[in-house]
Amino acid sequence: MLNTFPSLLDFAPLAPFILRVAAGFWFIDIAFKNYKEIKREAKKFTILSILIVQAVAGLFLVAGFLTQISAIVLFIILTFFVIRTEEAKQNPETKQVHLFLFIILISLLVTGAGAFAFDLPL
């Protein structure tokens, strides 16, 4: 079937780039917001180490470095967060955002980093 706008197919590598950068900034933002609230938690070391890994993986996504590994790590962290927190279970908007982030991470795992990344497709 013919495409309506075949010239737009030239920009196909930009789609994973946009998803990668948006998800990366989102995870960095979540890590810093949760870091500000960590003072009230009893298990500081475990939560702090998870937040550091989350922020570093988010930076890797933004930079396009080790994108697929970062997507797997963030998928595991997001799964842990969804299972363990009450906020994720109660708020329907939070559930939708988490589902959207799951889909973005799976897409990055399958498609790779896209344009403007350090990862090279082999």
C-alpha atoms as a PDB file:
ATOM      1  CA  MET A   1       0.000   0.000   0.000  1.00  0.00           C
ATOM      2  CA  LEU A   2       1.273   3.438  -0.816  1.00  0.00           C
ATOM      3  CA  ASN A   3       2.050   5.968   1.872  1.00  0.00           C
ATOM      4  CA  THR A   4       0.243   9.265   1.840  1.00  0.00           C
ATOM      5  CA  PHE A   5       3.422  11.155   2.697  1.00  0.00           C
ATOM      6  CA  PRO A   6       6.380   9.037   1.569  1.00  0.00           C
ATOM      7  CA  SER A   7       8.851  11.857   2.154  1.00  0.00           C
ATOM      8  CA  LEU A   8       8.167  11.617   5.897  1.00  0.00           C
ATOM      9  CA  LEU A   9       9.717   8.144   5.946  1.00  0.00           C
ATOM     10  CA  ASP A  10      13.097   9.877   5.801  1.00  0.00           C
ATOM     11  CA  PHE A  11      12.505  10.924   9.403  1.00  0.00           C
ATOM     12  CA  ALA A  12      11.798   7.397  10.721  1.00  0.00           C
ATOM     13  CA  PRO A  13      15.010   7.244  12.840  1.00  0.00           C
ATOM     14  CA  LEU A  14      13.806  10.308  14.741  1.00  0.00           C
ATOM     15  CA  ALA A  15      10.889   8.413  16.310  1.00  0.00           C
ATOM     16  CA  PRO A  16      13.043   6.293  18.662  1.00  0.00           C
ATOM     17  CA  PHE A  17      15.134   9.392  19.372  1.00  0.00           C
ATOM     18  CA  ILE A  18      12.074  11.322  20.546  1.00  0.00           C
ATOM     19  CA  LEU A  19      10.825   8.397  22.641  1.00  0.00           C
ATOM     20  CA  ARG A  20      14.290   7.840  24.118  1.00  0.00           C
ATOM     21  CA  VAL A  21      14.830  11.455  25.140  1.00  0.00           C
ATOM     22  CA  ALA A  22      11.301  11.856  26.557  1.00  0.00           C
ATOM     23  CA  ALA A  23      11.569   8.667  28.629  1.00  0.00           C
ATOM     24  CA  GLY A  24      15.067   9.580  29.794  1.00  0.00           C
ATOM     25  CA  PHE A  25      14.054  13.006  31.039  1.00  0.00           C
ATOM     26  CA  TRP A  26      10.949  11.514  32.633  1.00  0.00           C
ATOM     27  CA  PHE A  27      12.990   8.972  34.634  1.00  0.00           C
ATOM     28  CA  ILE A  28      15.541  11.608  35.657  1.00  0.00           C
ATOM     29  CA  ASP A  29      12.702  13.831  36.870  1.00  0.00           C
ATOM     30  CA  ILE A  30      11.116  10.976  38.826  1.00  0.00           C
ATOM     31  CA  ALA A  31      14.483  10.133  40.427  1.00  0.00           C
ATOM     32  CA  PHE A  32      15.073  13.713  41.591  1.00  0.00           C
ATOM     33  CA  LYS A  33      11.525  14.135  42.889  1.00  0.00           C
ATOM     34  CA  ASN A  34      11.791  10.913  44.877  1.00  0.00           C
ATOM     35  CA  TYR A  35      15.242  11.925  46.140  1.00  0.00           C
ATOM     36  CA  LYS A  36      13.735  14.995  47.772  1.00  0.00           C
ATOM     37  CA  GLU A  37      11.240  12.774  49.608  1.00  0.00           C
ATOM     38  CA  ILE A  38      13.777  10.152  50.722  1.00  0.00           C
ATOM     39  CA  LYS A  39      14.433  11.889  54.031  1.00  0.00           C
ATOM     40  CA  ARG A  40      11.176  10.493  55.391  1.00  0.00           C
ATOM     41  CA  GLU A  41      11.941   6.887  54.454  1.00  0.00           C
ATOM     42  CA  ALA A  42      13.496   4.339  56.791  1.00  0.00           C
ATOM     43  CA  LYS A  43      15.348   2.328  54.127  1.00  0.00           C
ATOM     44  CA  LYS A  44      17.444   5.154  52.766  1.00  0.00           C
ATOM     45  CA  PHE A  45      20.344   3.173  51.311  1.00  0.00           C
ATOM     46  CA  THR A  46      18.252   0.817  49.191  1.00  0.00           C
ATOM     47  CA  ILE A  47      15.998   3.545  47.878  1.00  0.00           C
ATOM     48  CA  LEU A  48      18.923   5.890  47.273  1.00  0.00           C
ATOM     49  CA  SER A  49      20.812   3.259  45.290  1.00  0.00           C
ATOM     50  CA  ILE A  50      17.726   2.536  43.166  1.00  0.00           C
ATOM     51  CA  LEU A  51      17.267   6.268  42.524  1.00  0.00           C
ATOM     52  CA  ILE A  52      20.917   6.641  41.506  1.00  0.00           C
ATOM     53  CA  VAL A  53      20.630   3.724  39.089  1.00  0.00           C
ATOM     54  CA  GLN A  54      17.394   5.203  37.743  1.00  0.00           C
ATOM     55  CA  ALA A  55      18.966   8.634  37.214  1.00  0.00           C
ATOM     56  CA  VAL A  56      22.074   7.177  35.540  1.00  0.00           C
ATOM     57  CA  ALA A  57      19.961   4.963  33.262  1.00  0.00           C
ATOM     58  CA  GLY A  58      17.839   8.012  32.409  1.00  0.00           C
ATOM     59  CA  LEU A  59      20.994   9.951  31.524  1.00  0.00           C
ATOM     60  CA  PHE A  60      22.132   7.038  29.373  1.00  0.00           C
ATOM     61  CA  LEU A  61      18.779   7.125  27.559  1.00  0.00           C
ATOM     62  CA  VAL A  62      19.067  10.848  26.920  1.00  0.00           C
ATOM     63  CA  ALA A  63      22.626  10.433  25.635  1.00  0.00           C
ATOM     64  CA  GLY A  64      21.791   7.315  23.636  1.00  0.00           C
ATOM     65  CA  PHE A  65      24.462   5.251  25.368  1.00  0.00           C
ATOM     66  CA  LEU A  66      23.681   1.579  26.132  1.00  0.00           C
ATOM     67  CA  THR A  67      20.055   2.252  25.283  1.00  0.00           C
ATOM     68  CA  GLN A  68      18.779  -1.299  25.285  1.00  0.00           C
ATOM     69  CA  ILE A  69      20.484  -2.173  28.573  1.00  0.00           C
ATOM     70  CA  SER A  70      19.164   1.048  30.118  1.00  0.00           C
ATOM     71  CA  ALA A  71      15.673   0.181  28.881  1.00  0.00           C
ATOM     72  CA  ILE A  72      15.861  -3.231  30.565  1.00  0.00           C
ATOM     73  CA  VAL A  73      17.119  -1.730  33.840  1.00  0.00           C
ATOM     74  CA  LEU A  74      14.424   0.950  33.854  1.00  0.00           C
ATOM     75  CA  PHE A  75      11.782  -1.646  32.972  1.00  0.00           C
ATOM     76  CA  ILE A  76      12.785  -3.656  36.051  1.00  0.00           C
ATOM     77  CA  ILE A  77      12.813  -0.558  38.286  1.00  0.00           C
ATOM     78  CA  LEU A  78       9.425   0.570  36.970  1.00  0.00           C
ATOM     79  CA  THR A  79       7.968  -2.909  37.487  1.00  0.00           C
ATOM     80  CA  PHE A  80       9.272  -2.916  41.066  1.00  0.00           C
ATOM     81  CA  PHE A  81       7.788   0.535  41.653  1.00  0.00           C
ATOM     82  CA  VAL A  82       4.385  -0.428  40.252  1.00  0.00           C
ATOM     83  CA  ILE A  83       4.215  -3.588  42.350  1.00  0.00           C
ATOM     84  CA  ARG A  84       5.470  -2.080  45.616  1.00  0.00           C
ATOM     85  CA  THR A  85       3.888   1.369  45.916  1.00  0.00           C
ATOM     86  CA  GLU A  86       0.370   2.252  46.909  1.00  0.00           C
ATOM     87  CA  GLU A  87       0.302   5.422  44.791  1.00  0.00           C
ATOM     88  CA  ALA A  88       0.732   3.385  41.628  1.00  0.00           C
ATOM     89  CA  LYS A  89      -2.168   1.139  42.606  1.00  0.00           C
ATOM     90  CA  GLN A  90      -4.653   3.867  43.490  1.00  0.00           C
ATOM     91  CA  ASN A  91      -4.219   6.683  40.983  1.00  0.00           C
ATOM     92  CA  PRO A  92      -5.575   5.883  37.475  1.00  0.00           C
ATOM     93  CA  GLU A  93      -3.488   8.623  35.847  1.00  0.00           C
ATOM     94  CA  THR A  94      -0.344   7.112  37.336  1.00  0.00           C
ATOM     95  CA  LYS A  95      -1.326   3.719  35.949  1.00  0.00           C
ATOM     96  CA  GLN A  96      -1.698   5.218  32.484  1.00  0.00           C
ATOM     97  CA  VAL A  97       1.687   6.947  32.674  1.00  0.00           C
ATOM     98  CA  HIS A  98       3.351   3.741  33.816  1.00  0.00           C
ATOM     99  CA  LEU A  99       1.737   1.792  31.003  1.00  0.00           C
ATOM    100  CA  PHE A 100       2.938   4.438  28.538  1.00  0.00           C
ATOM    101  CA  LEU A 101       6.483   4.218  29.936  1.00  0.00           C
ATOM    102  CA  PHE A 102       6.381   0.407  29.723  1.00  0.00           C
ATOM    103  CA  ILE A 103       5.437   0.679  26.047  1.00  0.00           C
ATOM    104  CA  ILE A 104       8.212   3.213  25.360  1.00  0.00           C
ATOM    105  CA  LEU A 105      10.814   1.016  27.074  1.00  0.00           C
ATOM    106  CA  ILE A 106       9.732  -2.082  25.150  1.00  0.00           C
ATOM    107  CA  SER A 107       9.839  -0.074  21.933  1.00  0.00           C
ATOM    108  CA  LEU A 108      13.376   1.124  22.702  1.00  0.00           C
ATOM    109  CA  LEU A 109      14.417  -2.407  23.554  1.00  0.00           C
ATOM    110  CA  VAL A 110      13.221  -3.654  20.156  1.00  0.00           C
ATOM    111  CA  THR A 111      14.078  -0.718  17.876  1.00  0.00           C
ATOM    112  CA  GLY A 112      17.266   0.558  19.468  1.00  0.00           C
ATOM    113  CA  ALA A 113      18.402   4.105  20.101  1.00  0.00           C
ATOM    114  CA  GLY A 114      17.492   5.797  16.839  1.00  0.00           C
ATOM    115  CA  ALA A 115      19.206   8.936  15.594  1.00  0.00           C
ATOM    116  CA  PHE A 116      21.773  11.010  17.517  1.00  0.00           C
ATOM    117  CA  ALA A 117      22.957   8.160  19.741  1.00  0.00           C
ATOM    118  CA  PHE A 118      26.244   6.559  20.686  1.00  0.00           C
ATOM    119  CA  ASP A 119      24.788   3.098  20.108  1.00  0.00           C
ATOM    120  CA  LEU A 120      25.513   1.731  16.683  1.00  0.00           C
ATOM    121  CA  PRO A 121      23.165  -0.775  15.077  1.00  0.00           C
ATOM    122  CA  LEU A 122      25.071  -3.946  14.241  1.00  0.00           C
END
